[in-house]
Amino acid sequence: MAAYGKKYPDLERGESASRTGREHIPPRLFKQAVHLNRQRDIILQTLKDITPFNAGRKSAEVAEMINKYISGAEGMRSALKGFEGEIKALRAENTKLEKKLDGSRESIEKRLEINQKLSEYEDLKRTVEAIPDEILKAYSTLNATEKTVEI
């Protein structure tokens, strides 16, 4: 980190959660979103690669990938719901800062930090909400059926 301090002397770390009282969105959620996006891209590429000669094998492969993708997306959706209050508070704080913006460096840095967090949240939300509700319902129904059969 010291190297960054020399290279970027104006760069400062954000305020700690203990000082701000904020609940920070854990990095694992962002990593999970990146993983979900990669899974989606692989699924789409696999679908493009299906031909009449490999349709049987590829359809089973795609079905398995979709099952994993939807499972991860449902987990992400649940996790994001837990941060809705924090996001609402960040938006309110951002609006308050915009109203009293006096051009000070501290105020601008604070707004940039909040805008970055809001942007990251919106990216996560778009990733999860990209899955149509019909697919999630079908997945839930399929899972419920499989659990009943296992018992």
Protein backbone atom coordinates (compact mmCIF):
# COMPACT_ATOMS: atom_id res chain seq x y z
CA MET A 1 0.00 0.00 0.00
CA ALA A 2 2.87 2.37 0.68
CA ALA A 3 3.72 2.37 -3.02
CA TYR A 4 0.24 3.62 -3.84
CA GLY A 5 0.60 6.40 -1.27
CA LYS A 6 3.69 7.68 -3.07
CA LYS A 7 2.23 7.27 -6.54
CA TYR A 8 -1.19 8.71 -5.66
CA PRO A 9 -0.71 11.09 -2.73
CA ASP A 10 -4.32 12.34 -2.91
CA LEU A 11 -5.77 8.84 -2.66
CA GLU A 12 -7.37 8.15 0.69
CA ARG A 13 -9.20 5.14 2.09
CA GLY A 14 -12.89 5.41 2.86
CA GLU A 15 -14.17 5.78 6.38
CA SER A 16 -14.41 2.59 8.42
CA ALA A 17 -17.80 1.02 9.11
CA SER A 18 -17.21 1.42 12.85
CA ARG A 19 -16.87 5.18 12.37
CA THR A 20 -19.74 5.68 9.92
CA GLY A 21 -22.09 3.11 11.38
CA ARG A 22 -22.75 1.82 7.88
CA GLU A 23 -23.11 -1.80 6.98
CA HIS A 24 -20.74 -2.35 4.07
CA ILE A 25 -21.74 -4.71 1.30
CA PRO A 26 -19.32 -7.63 1.62
CA PRO A 27 -16.84 -8.23 -1.20
CA ARG A 28 -18.03 -11.84 -1.49
CA LEU A 29 -21.31 -10.55 -2.99
CA PHE A 30 -19.43 -8.68 -5.69
CA LYS A 31 -17.31 -11.76 -6.39
CA GLN A 32 -20.48 -13.85 -6.52
CA ALA A 33 -21.99 -11.40 -9.04
CA VAL A 34 -18.90 -11.64 -11.24
CA HIS A 35 -19.12 -15.44 -11.05
CA LEU A 36 -22.82 -15.33 -12.00
CA ASN A 37 -22.05 -13.10 -14.98
CA ARG A 38 -19.37 -15.53 -16.14
CA GLN A 39 -21.78 -18.45 -15.76
CA ARG A 40 -24.38 -16.58 -17.81
CA ASP A 41 -21.86 -15.89 -20.58
CA ILE A 42 -20.81 -19.55 -20.67
CA ILE A 43 -24.46 -20.65 -20.87
CA LEU A 44 -25.14 -18.25 -23.74
CA GLN A 45 -22.02 -19.39 -25.60
CA THR A 46 -22.94 -23.04 -25.09
CA LEU A 47 -26.43 -22.36 -26.46
CA LYS A 48 -24.88 -20.76 -29.55
CA ASP A 49 -22.68 -23.80 -30.05
CA ILE A 50 -25.57 -26.30 -30.17
CA THR A 51 -25.93 -28.06 -33.51
CA PRO A 52 -28.18 -30.93 -34.61
CA PHE A 53 -25.23 -33.27 -34.07
CA ASN A 54 -24.53 -32.34 -30.43
CA ALA A 55 -27.98 -31.20 -29.29
CA GLY A 56 -28.60 -34.14 -26.92
CA ARG A 57 -25.30 -33.84 -25.07
CA LYS A 58 -25.30 -30.02 -25.05
CA SER A 59 -28.90 -29.71 -23.83
CA ALA A 60 -28.10 -31.80 -20.75
CA GLU A 61 -24.98 -29.71 -20.19
CA VAL A 62 -26.94 -26.45 -20.51
CA ALA A 63 -29.68 -27.72 -18.18
CA GLU A 64 -27.08 -28.47 -15.50
CA MET A 65 -25.42 -25.05 -15.96
CA ILE A 66 -28.78 -23.25 -15.78
CA ASN A 67 -29.68 -25.14 -12.61
CA LYS A 68 -26.44 -23.93 -10.94
CA TYR A 69 -26.89 -20.40 -12.28
CA ILE A 70 -30.44 -20.01 -11.00
CA SER A 71 -29.50 -21.45 -7.63
CA GLY A 72 -26.70 -18.88 -7.29
CA ALA A 73 -28.91 -16.05 -8.51
CA GLU A 74 -31.62 -16.89 -5.97
CA GLY A 75 -29.00 -16.79 -3.21
CA MET A 76 -27.76 -13.44 -4.51
CA ARG A 77 -31.29 -12.03 -4.63
CA SER A 78 -31.89 -13.04 -1.02
CA ALA A 79 -28.58 -11.55 0.11
CA LEU A 80 -29.25 -8.26 -1.67
CA LYS A 81 -32.60 -7.87 0.05
CA GLY A 82 -30.71 -7.63 3.33
CA PHE A 83 -28.94 -4.49 2.10
CA GLU A 84 -31.99 -2.56 0.88
CA GLY A 85 -32.09 -0.47 4.06
CA GLU A 86 -28.42 0.46 3.69
CA ILE A 87 -28.93 1.40 0.05
CA LYS A 88 -31.92 3.56 0.94
CA ALA A 89 -29.84 5.32 3.62
CA LEU A 90 -27.00 5.89 1.14
CA ARG A 91 -29.40 7.42 -1.37
CA ALA A 92 -30.87 9.70 1.29
CA GLU A 93 -27.39 10.77 2.40
CA ASN A 94 -26.41 11.40 -1.20
CA THR A 95 -29.47 13.59 -1.76
CA LYS A 96 -28.69 15.53 1.42
CA LEU A 97 -25.09 16.06 0.28
CA GLU A 98 -26.23 17.24 -3.14
CA LYS A 99 -28.45 19.85 -1.50
CA LYS A 100 -25.69 21.23 0.67
CA LEU A 101 -22.90 20.78 -1.84
CA ASP A 102 -20.49 23.61 -1.21
CA GLY A 103 -17.73 22.40 -3.49
CA SER A 104 -15.56 21.30 -0.61
CA ARG A 105 -13.21 18.41 -1.26
CA GLU A 106 -14.63 16.39 1.66
CA SER A 107 -18.17 16.71 0.37
CA ILE A 108 -17.17 15.73 -3.15
CA GLU A 109 -15.19 12.71 -1.92
CA LYS A 110 -18.14 11.60 0.19
CA ARG A 111 -20.50 11.88 -2.79
CA LEU A 112 -18.09 9.93 -4.98
CA GLU A 113 -17.85 7.17 -2.38
CA ILE A 114 -21.62 6.94 -2.05
CA ASN A 115 -22.16 7.03 -5.81
CA GLN A 116 -19.64 4.21 -6.24
CA LYS A 117 -21.46 2.06 -3.68
CA LEU A 118 -24.82 2.80 -5.29
CA SER A 119 -23.42 1.93 -8.71
CA GLU A 120 -22.02 -1.38 -7.42
CA TYR A 121 -25.36 -2.20 -5.82
CA GLU A 122 -27.25 -1.42 -9.02
CA ASP A 123 -24.88 -3.66 -11.00
CA LEU A 124 -25.53 -6.51 -8.58
CA LYS A 125 -29.26 -5.94 -8.70
CA ARG A 126 -29.34 -5.91 -12.54
CA THR A 127 -27.43 -9.20 -12.64
CA VAL A 128 -29.93 -10.92 -10.39
CA GLU A 129 -33.05 -9.32 -11.86
CA ALA A 130 -32.04 -10.38 -15.38
CA ILE A 131 -33.45 -13.83 -14.67
CA PRO A 132 -37.12 -13.98 -15.71
CA ASP A 133 -39.59 -14.82 -12.92
CA GLU A 134 -40.95 -17.74 -14.95
CA ILE A 135 -37.55 -19.41 -14.86
CA LEU A 136 -37.21 -18.87 -11.11
CA LYS A 137 -40.69 -20.30 -10.54
CA ALA A 138 -39.94 -23.31 -12.74
CA TYR A 139 -36.68 -23.83 -10.88
CA SER A 140 -38.44 -23.63 -7.49
CA THR A 141 -41.10 -26.10 -8.65
CA LEU A 142 -38.43 -28.46 -9.99
CA ASN A 143 -36.45 -28.27 -6.75
CA ALA A 144 -39.57 -28.90 -4.65
CA THR A 145 -40.36 -31.96 -6.79
CA GLU A 146 -36.81 -33.29 -6.49
CA LYS A 147 -36.83 -32.87 -2.71
CA THR A 148 -40.13 -34.73 -2.45
CA VAL A 149 -38.78 -37.59 -4.58
CA GLU A 150 -35.62 -37.84 -2.46
CA ILE A 151 -37.64 -38.31 0.75
